[in-house]
């Protein structure tokens, strides 16, 4: 899907240099992937401590699988 966006050239040039990628398109796609991963990670972090497990659930036992 062709899209015309007005993107800050300074930001894009800096991102291109930092990323080491060859094209602006690859740089924007990588930036979007990293943005999504970071937001999804933040959502997971917020869940810590909010999940209740069954009392007989033994998470330590599952760590020591052969």
C-alpha atoms as a PDB file:
ATOM      1  CA  UNK A   1       0.000   0.000   0.000  1.00  0.00           C
ATOM      2  CA  UNK A   2       1.768   3.170  -1.136  1.00  0.00           C
ATOM      3  CA  UNK A   3       1.663   5.889   1.496  1.00  0.00           C
ATOM      4  CA  UNK A   4       2.955   9.416   1.447  1.00  0.00           C
ATOM      5  CA  UNK A   5       3.970  10.601   4.894  1.00  0.00           C
ATOM      6  CA  UNK A   6       5.570  13.786   6.086  1.00  0.00           C
ATOM      7  CA  UNK A   7       8.415  12.506   8.272  1.00  0.00           C
ATOM      8  CA  UNK A   8      10.996  14.693   9.993  1.00  0.00           C
ATOM      9  CA  UNK A   9      14.092  14.326   7.780  1.00  0.00           C
ATOM     10  CA  UNK A  10      16.461  14.908  10.691  1.00  0.00           C
ATOM     11  CA  UNK A  11      14.912  12.120  12.753  1.00  0.00           C
ATOM     12  CA  UNK A  12      14.858   9.775   9.798  1.00  0.00           C
ATOM     13  CA  UNK A  13      18.488  10.478   8.892  1.00  0.00           C
ATOM     14  CA  UNK A  14      19.589   9.923  12.498  1.00  0.00           C
ATOM     15  CA  UNK A  15      17.605   6.679  12.709  1.00  0.00           C
ATOM     16  CA  UNK A  16      19.107   5.527   9.415  1.00  0.00           C
ATOM     17  CA  UNK A  17      22.656   6.142  10.691  1.00  0.00           C
ATOM     18  CA  UNK A  18      22.014   4.479  14.051  1.00  0.00           C
ATOM     19  CA  UNK A  19      20.251   1.459  12.576  1.00  0.00           C
ATOM     20  CA  UNK A  20      22.889   0.682   9.988  1.00  0.00           C
ATOM     21  CA  UNK A  21      20.135  -0.199   7.555  1.00  0.00           C
ATOM     22  CA  UNK A  22      20.454   0.720   3.897  1.00  0.00           C
ATOM     23  CA  UNK A  23      17.089   2.293   3.120  1.00  0.00           C
ATOM     24  CA  UNK A  24      14.718   4.730   4.745  1.00  0.00           C
ATOM     25  CA  UNK A  25      11.906   2.248   4.192  1.00  0.00           C
ATOM     26  CA  UNK A  26      13.746  -0.473   6.130  1.00  0.00           C
ATOM     27  CA  UNK A  27      14.531   2.039   8.867  1.00  0.00           C
ATOM     28  CA  UNK A  28      10.888   3.082   9.255  1.00  0.00           C
ATOM     29  CA  UNK A  29       9.717  -0.543   9.250  1.00  0.00           C
ATOM     30  CA  UNK A  30      12.303  -1.471  11.902  1.00  0.00           C
ATOM     31  CA  UNK A  31      11.326   1.524  14.022  1.00  0.00           C
ATOM     32  CA  UNK A  32       7.659   0.518  13.843  1.00  0.00           C
ATOM     33  CA  UNK A  33       8.486  -3.070  14.850  1.00  0.00           C
ATOM     34  CA  UNK A  34      10.524  -1.878  17.824  1.00  0.00           C
ATOM     35  CA  UNK A  35       7.774   0.552  18.844  1.00  0.00           C
ATOM     36  CA  UNK A  36       5.199  -2.245  18.808  1.00  0.00           C
ATOM     37  CA  UNK A  37       7.478  -4.623  20.747  1.00  0.00           C
ATOM     38  CA  UNK A  38       8.133  -1.984  23.410  1.00  0.00           C
ATOM     39  CA  UNK A  39       4.435  -1.211  23.857  1.00  0.00           C
ATOM     40  CA  UNK A  40       3.544  -4.910  24.051  1.00  0.00           C
ATOM     41  CA  UNK A  41       6.308  -5.427  26.622  1.00  0.00           C
ATOM     42  CA  UNK A  42       4.936  -2.553  28.704  1.00  0.00           C
ATOM     43  CA  UNK A  43       1.515  -4.207  28.656  1.00  0.00           C
ATOM     44  CA  UNK A  44       3.043  -7.485  29.881  1.00  0.00           C
ATOM     45  CA  UNK A  45       4.991  -5.729  32.624  1.00  0.00           C
ATOM     46  CA  UNK A  46       1.776  -4.180  33.917  1.00  0.00           C
ATOM     47  CA  UNK A  47       0.330  -7.695  34.286  1.00  0.00           C
ATOM     48  CA  UNK A  48       3.083  -8.803  36.709  1.00  0.00           C
ATOM     49  CA  UNK A  49       1.596  -9.575  40.076  1.00  0.00           C
ATOM     50  CA  UNK A  50      -1.965  -9.435  38.796  1.00  0.00           C
ATOM     51  CA  UNK A  51      -2.325 -13.089  37.796  1.00  0.00           C
ATOM     52  CA  UNK A  52      -3.379 -15.493  40.509  1.00  0.00           C
ATOM     53  CA  UNK A  53      -2.305 -19.108  40.148  1.00  0.00           C
ATOM     54  CA  UNK A  54      -3.879 -22.160  41.704  1.00  0.00           C
ATOM     55  CA  UNK A  55      -2.416 -22.873  45.129  1.00  0.00           C
ATOM     56  CA  UNK A  56      -1.088 -26.301  44.105  1.00  0.00           C
ATOM     57  CA  UNK A  57       0.651 -24.929  40.972  1.00  0.00           C
ATOM     58  CA  UNK A  58       4.405 -25.529  41.338  1.00  0.00           C
ATOM     59  CA  UNK A  59       6.318 -23.258  38.972  1.00  0.00           C
ATOM     60  CA  UNK A  60       9.668 -24.376  40.359  1.00  0.00           C
ATOM     61  CA  UNK A  61       8.955 -27.977  39.392  1.00  0.00           C
ATOM     62  CA  UNK A  62       8.423 -26.917  35.782  1.00  0.00           C
ATOM     63  CA  UNK A  63      11.820 -25.147  35.669  1.00  0.00           C
ATOM     64  CA  UNK A  64      13.669 -28.416  36.191  1.00  0.00           C
ATOM     65  CA  UNK A  65      12.349 -30.305  33.199  1.00  0.00           C
ATOM     66  CA  UNK A  66      14.751 -32.958  31.839  1.00  0.00           C
END
